[in-house]
Amino acid sequence: MKLLTRSITILLALLLAGCATTWARIDDADRNYQHAQYRATLPAGWLRLESDDSLILSRDGILVQHIGIQFKTHAEAFEKIKKTSSPSMLPSELAALAIAEFKATQEEGLPSLEILHNRPVEMAGRTGFDLHLRYKTDTGLNMDMLLRGIVAESGYYLVEFSAPSLHYFQRDRQHFESFAASLQVKDQAKDG
C-alpha cells in the first residue's frame, strides 16, 4: 500500500501547491468544465478537485479510482526526470518519457510495472500516446492505469485513469473514455 499511498500523497501535494479547492460534486449542470488550457465534459455524480494545472475526478475516493488531467508547459513537462516536451515530439517519444516519469515518482522504480499496450491515439484532434499499465501495490493489489498524452503549441497534456484491476477498472473505464473523448485543448479551442 506504500506505493499507492505515496502516489496519492504526491498527487495531493501537487494539487495543494497549485491552490487546490475543496472537493465538489459534479451534477448535470456542472458537466461542461472550462479551464484556461482545456475544456472537457465531466462525469455526473463524481467529485472533482482542481488546482491551477490539474483536475482530479473520483467517484468513490481517489484510493478506489480517479481520473486526472494535467497541463504543463513544455519546460515543465517531465520534472522528475528533468526532460522537456515540444510540439513536434512523436507519440513514442512522449510515451517513453511518461513511463520514465511515472517510474521516477516511485521509490523503488516500480519493478512490478507491466506495459499492456503502448500505441498511438487520437485525442483532442492530435496524435498522442495511449499506455495501459499494470502494477502491484506493496500489499499485492493489482492496479490498472491508462495514460494518454498529447502535445500542443501551449504545452503537454496528460490524462490518467487509475483503479484496482478487479471490478473498479472495468466498471469505471467508460467514464474515462468519455472524458478523454470530450477533451479540447487551448490551441484547438481558439480555432473552434
Foldseek 3Di string as FASTA:
>chain_A
DVQLVLVVVVVVVVQVVQVKDDKDAAAPVRQFDDALWKTWGADHQWIWIGGNFKIWIGNPDVSAKIKMKGWDAQQCPQVLVRHGDAQPDDQVVVVVSVLQSSLSSDPVSQPFKDWPDWDWDAFQNFIHIWTWIWGADPVGFIKIKIWTWHADRGGIMIIMMMHGPPPRCVVCVVSSVRGRNGMHTPVRVVVD
